[in-house]
Protein backbone atom coordinates (compact mmCIF):
# COMPACT_ATOMS: atom_id res chain seq x y z
CA UNK A 1 46.58 21.78 -14.32
CA UNK A 2 46.22 18.45 -16.16
CA UNK A 3 47.27 16.57 -13.02
CA UNK A 4 44.78 18.56 -10.93
CA UNK A 5 41.96 17.80 -13.34
CA UNK A 6 42.81 14.09 -13.35
CA UNK A 7 42.83 14.09 -9.57
CA UNK A 8 39.42 15.83 -9.48
CA UNK A 9 37.90 13.30 -11.89
CA UNK A 10 39.32 10.40 -9.88
CA UNK A 11 37.96 11.89 -6.67
CA UNK A 12 34.51 12.28 -8.22
CA UNK A 13 34.58 8.68 -9.42
CA UNK A 14 35.53 7.40 -5.99
CA UNK A 15 32.76 9.51 -4.47
CA UNK A 16 30.23 8.04 -6.88
CA UNK A 17 31.43 4.51 -6.25
CA UNK A 18 30.98 4.92 -2.50
CA UNK A 19 27.72 6.83 -2.61
CA UNK A 20 25.10 5.10 -0.48
CA UNK A 21 22.11 3.75 -2.42
CA UNK A 22 18.75 5.36 -1.60
CA UNK A 23 16.29 3.94 0.89
CA UNK A 24 14.35 1.26 -0.99
CA UNK A 25 10.75 0.77 0.13
CA UNK A 26 8.39 -1.98 -1.00
CA UNK A 27 4.83 -0.74 -0.45
CA UNK A 28 1.44 -2.39 -0.90
CA UNK A 29 -0.74 -0.94 -3.66
CA UNK A 30 -3.34 0.14 -1.11
CA UNK A 31 -0.79 2.60 0.37
CA UNK A 32 0.11 4.22 -2.97
CA UNK A 33 -1.10 7.78 -2.31
CA UNK A 34 -0.28 7.62 1.39
CA UNK A 35 3.31 6.53 0.77
CA UNK A 36 3.79 9.28 -1.82
CA UNK A 37 2.83 11.87 0.79
CA UNK A 38 4.90 10.25 3.53
CA UNK A 39 7.97 10.09 1.31
CA UNK A 40 7.56 13.75 0.30
CA UNK A 41 7.57 14.86 3.96
CA UNK A 42 10.45 12.54 4.85
CA UNK A 43 12.52 13.85 1.95
CA UNK A 44 11.83 17.44 2.98
CA UNK A 45 12.85 16.71 6.57
CA UNK A 46 15.96 14.59 5.91
CA UNK A 47 17.10 15.25 2.34
CA UNK A 48 16.93 11.49 1.71
CA UNK A 49 15.01 10.52 -1.44
CA UNK A 50 13.56 7.00 -1.05
CA UNK A 51 12.80 4.73 -3.98
CA UNK A 52 9.35 3.13 -3.76
CA UNK A 53 8.13 -0.01 -5.53
CA UNK A 54 4.36 -0.50 -5.52
CA UNK A 55 2.67 -3.90 -5.91
CA UNK A 56 0.25 -6.20 -4.11
CA UNK A 57 1.51 -7.45 -0.75
CA UNK A 58 1.67 -11.01 -2.08
CA UNK A 59 3.78 -10.02 -5.07
CA UNK A 60 6.17 -8.01 -2.92
CA UNK A 61 6.66 -10.96 -0.58
CA UNK A 62 7.53 -13.16 -3.57
CA UNK A 63 10.05 -10.57 -4.83
CA UNK A 64 11.69 -10.32 -1.40
CA UNK A 65 12.00 -14.11 -1.18
CA UNK A 66 13.71 -14.02 -4.57
CA UNK A 67 16.27 -11.51 -3.31
CA UNK A 68 14.81 -8.14 -4.34
CA UNK A 69 17.02 -5.45 -2.73
CA UNK A 70 14.48 -3.71 -0.49
CA UNK A 71 15.28 -2.13 2.86
CA UNK A 72 11.78 -2.34 4.32
CA UNK A 73 8.31 -3.43 3.34
CA UNK A 74 4.93 -1.87 4.11
CA UNK A 75 2.26 -4.54 3.80
CA UNK A 76 -1.54 -4.22 3.74
CA UNK A 77 -1.78 -6.82 6.52
CA UNK A 78 0.25 -8.41 9.31
CA UNK A 79 0.31 -11.95 7.93
CA UNK A 80 2.69 -11.36 5.02
CA UNK A 81 5.32 -9.57 7.16
CA UNK A 82 5.03 -12.32 9.75
CA UNK A 83 5.91 -14.83 7.02
CA UNK A 84 9.15 -12.91 6.43
CA UNK A 85 9.91 -12.94 10.15
CA UNK A 86 9.42 -16.71 10.21
CA UNK A 87 11.78 -17.04 7.24
CA UNK A 88 14.54 -15.15 9.04
CA UNK A 89 14.58 -12.32 6.49
CA UNK A 90 13.73 -9.57 8.97
CA UNK A 91 15.64 -7.46 11.47
CA UNK A 92 13.41 -7.35 14.54
CA UNK A 93 9.67 -7.98 14.34
CA UNK A 94 6.53 -6.64 12.70
CA UNK A 95 5.46 -3.07 13.44
CA UNK A 96 1.72 -2.39 13.15
CA UNK A 97 1.81 1.08 11.60
CA UNK A 98 -1.90 1.66 10.82
CA UNK A 99 -5.27 0.03 10.15
CA UNK A 100 -6.91 0.47 6.78
CA UNK A 101 -10.58 0.96 5.97
CA UNK A 102 -12.44 -0.58 3.05
CA UNK A 103 -14.74 1.41 0.77
CA UNK A 104 -17.00 0.80 -2.20
CA UNK A 105 -16.24 3.31 -4.98
CA UNK A 106 -18.10 4.16 -8.18
CA UNK A 107 -17.91 6.95 -10.74
CA UNK A 108 -21.69 6.97 -11.00
CA UNK A 109 -24.22 7.57 -8.27
CA UNK A 110 -25.94 4.35 -7.26
CA UNK A 111 -28.90 4.10 -4.91
CA UNK A 112 -29.32 1.82 -1.95
CA UNK A 113 -26.85 0.52 0.56
CA UNK A 114 -23.86 -1.71 -0.14
CA UNK A 115 -26.01 -4.67 -1.18
CA UNK A 116 -28.22 -2.48 -3.37
CA UNK A 117 -25.22 -0.99 -5.18
CA UNK A 118 -23.77 -4.43 -5.80
CA UNK A 119 -27.05 -5.75 -7.17
CA UNK A 120 -27.43 -2.82 -9.58
CA UNK A 121 -23.82 -3.02 -10.83
CA UNK A 122 -22.95 -4.89 -14.02
CA UNK A 123 -19.31 -5.39 -13.05
CA UNK A 124 -17.72 -5.38 -9.59
CA UNK A 125 -13.94 -5.02 -9.22
CA UNK A 126 -12.03 -6.55 -6.31
CA UNK A 127 -8.34 -7.23 -5.81
CA UNK A 128 -7.18 -10.85 -5.99
CA UNK A 129 -7.98 -12.23 -2.51
CA UNK A 130 -4.98 -14.57 -2.73
CA UNK A 131 -2.52 -11.70 -3.18
CA UNK A 132 -4.13 -8.56 -1.76
CA UNK A 133 -5.46 -8.24 1.81
CA UNK A 134 -8.07 -5.70 0.67
CA UNK A 135 -9.29 -8.25 -1.87
CA UNK A 136 -9.57 -10.80 0.92
CA UNK A 137 -11.58 -8.29 2.98
CA UNK A 138 -13.86 -7.61 -0.02
CA UNK A 139 -14.52 -11.33 -0.36
CA UNK A 140 -15.39 -11.49 3.34
CA UNK A 141 -17.90 -8.66 2.86
CA UNK A 142 -19.54 -10.42 -0.07
CA UNK A 143 -19.71 -13.66 1.89
CA UNK A 144 -21.17 -11.82 4.88
CA UNK A 145 -23.89 -10.45 2.56
CA UNK A 146 -24.35 -13.95 1.10
CA UNK A 147 -23.48 -12.57 -2.33
CA UNK A 148 -20.11 -14.21 -3.05
CA UNK A 149 -21.50 -17.09 -5.09
CA UNK A 150 -24.33 -15.04 -6.52
CA UNK A 151 -22.03 -12.30 -7.85
CA UNK A 152 -19.36 -14.50 -9.45
CA UNK A 153 -20.39 -13.61 -13.01
CA UNK A 154 -20.11 -9.91 -12.16
CA UNK A 155 -16.72 -9.93 -10.47
CA UNK A 156 -13.56 -8.79 -12.24
CA UNK A 157 -10.33 -9.43 -10.37
CA UNK A 158 -7.40 -7.03 -10.30
CA UNK A 159 -3.89 -8.00 -9.27
CA UNK A 160 -3.96 -5.24 -6.67
CA UNK A 161 -5.99 -2.32 -5.36
CA UNK A 162 -4.20 -0.19 -7.96
CA UNK A 163 -5.67 -2.26 -10.78
CA UNK A 164 -9.12 -2.19 -9.16
CA UNK A 165 -8.93 1.62 -9.22
CA UNK A 166 -7.92 1.53 -12.90
CA UNK A 167 -10.93 -0.68 -13.69
CA UNK A 168 -13.28 1.82 -12.05
CA UNK A 169 -11.66 4.87 -13.67
CA UNK A 170 -11.67 3.21 -17.11
CA UNK A 171 -15.30 2.14 -16.81
CA UNK A 172 -14.41 -1.56 -16.88
CA UNK A 173 -16.24 -1.93 -13.56
CA UNK A 174 -19.27 -0.04 -12.22
CA UNK A 175 -18.07 -0.33 -8.63
CA UNK A 176 -14.88 -1.41 -6.93
CA UNK A 177 -13.85 -2.45 -3.44
CA UNK A 178 -10.93 -0.18 -2.64
CA UNK A 179 -9.39 1.59 0.32
CA UNK A 180 -10.67 4.84 1.78
CA UNK A 181 -7.19 6.30 1.28
CA UNK A 182 -7.73 6.16 -2.50
CA UNK A 183 -11.11 7.86 -2.27
CA UNK A 184 -9.49 10.63 -0.21
CA UNK A 185 -6.45 11.12 -2.44
CA UNK A 186 -6.27 14.45 -4.30
CA UNK A 187 -5.96 12.75 -7.68
CA UNK A 188 -9.43 11.15 -7.37
CA UNK A 189 -11.09 13.33 -4.75
CA UNK A 190 -14.47 14.47 -5.98
CA UNK A 191 -14.55 11.88 -8.77
CA UNK A 192 -17.51 9.63 -8.30
CA UNK A 193 -19.06 8.40 -5.09
CA UNK A 194 -17.81 6.18 -2.31
CA UNK A 195 -19.28 4.54 0.74
CA UNK A 196 -17.40 3.28 3.76
CA UNK A 197 -17.74 -0.43 4.53
CA UNK A 198 -18.64 -1.24 8.13
CA UNK A 199 -15.50 -2.59 9.80
CA UNK A 200 -17.57 -5.35 11.46
CA UNK A 201 -18.14 -6.92 8.04
CA UNK A 202 -14.56 -8.14 7.65
CA UNK A 203 -11.45 -8.89 9.66
CA UNK A 204 -9.49 -5.77 10.70
CA UNK A 205 -7.09 -4.53 8.03
CA UNK A 206 -4.15 -4.13 10.39
CA UNK A 207 -1.13 -3.18 8.30
CA UNK A 208 2.42 -4.11 9.25
CA UNK A 209 5.92 -3.26 8.14
CA UNK A 210 9.26 -4.98 8.54
CA UNK A 211 12.90 -3.94 8.21
CA UNK A 212 14.73 -6.42 6.02
CA UNK A 213 17.88 -8.01 7.39
CA UNK A 214 19.90 -7.72 4.17
CA UNK A 215 18.99 -4.09 3.57
CA UNK A 216 20.18 -0.79 4.99
CA UNK A 217 18.91 -1.52 8.47
CA UNK A 218 19.86 1.76 10.17
CA UNK A 219 18.36 3.90 7.40
CA UNK A 220 15.19 1.79 7.34
CA UNK A 221 14.81 2.08 11.11
CA UNK A 222 15.09 5.86 10.79
CA UNK A 223 12.13 5.81 8.39
CA UNK A 224 10.18 3.64 10.84
CA UNK A 225 10.85 6.22 13.57
CA UNK A 226 9.51 8.89 11.21
CA UNK A 227 6.32 6.85 10.72
CA UNK A 228 5.78 6.87 14.48
CA UNK A 229 5.95 10.68 14.60
CA UNK A 230 3.27 13.35 14.62
CA UNK A 231 3.66 14.40 10.98
CA UNK A 232 3.12 10.86 9.78
CA UNK A 233 0.15 10.37 12.10
CA UNK A 234 -1.57 13.43 10.65
CA UNK A 235 -1.14 11.98 7.16
CA UNK A 236 -2.45 8.57 8.22
CA UNK A 237 -5.63 10.12 9.57
CA UNK A 238 -6.11 12.47 6.60
CA UNK A 239 -6.08 9.43 4.29
CA UNK A 240 -8.68 7.60 6.38
CA UNK A 241 -6.37 5.22 8.22
CA UNK A 242 -6.73 4.43 11.89
CA UNK A 243 -3.70 4.70 14.13
CA UNK A 244 -2.46 1.49 15.84
CA UNK A 245 -4.09 2.22 19.19
CA UNK A 246 -7.54 2.87 17.71
């Protein structure tokens, strides 16, 4: 019996040592609620439980360059993934998985259009344009309205869309430039007021993903195939994203 127990323990240890690590996904802050829903469906369908790290696209790129052990990255634009392709860190190319939509969000009702809301706000939150594509798009909107210079004393910068949302929820900003997917997420749905930003006011927020060469390529590619399927497409649209061919 003692020998049998020792054998069982040894077998369990070997099994643990050879257990495959989970799928590791680096995801832009703008996709936070979307990726949670996608991962939940993927787990239900496959039994695989991915690990997700959320940060601004710029920060994730820096982590990957420093050797962070991710299997794939979902960016809020195409430019950051293309940098990884150019650096030889990617298996294959960039896959355009959706296009995001910008929104102006506030907990309080504010009259007027976009410009009117910005003028009446005391503090305006945007993500750092140098790190977050949605922050870059927000800056483009302000410049298009000729308000970028004029609003400098009102602007508070977040490291990511996630921090912009925290500023709005905490009352540190009256309005924030965020993504429509946040405004449609269950956790904030019905809280405050949001207005869609005309897509002609900024460059398209085409979002790309890449499979990382040093990661679990086959497992990552399986997740990419899932993202191309009908269940994922339904989730993209329910969160206000446009599909690649739109």
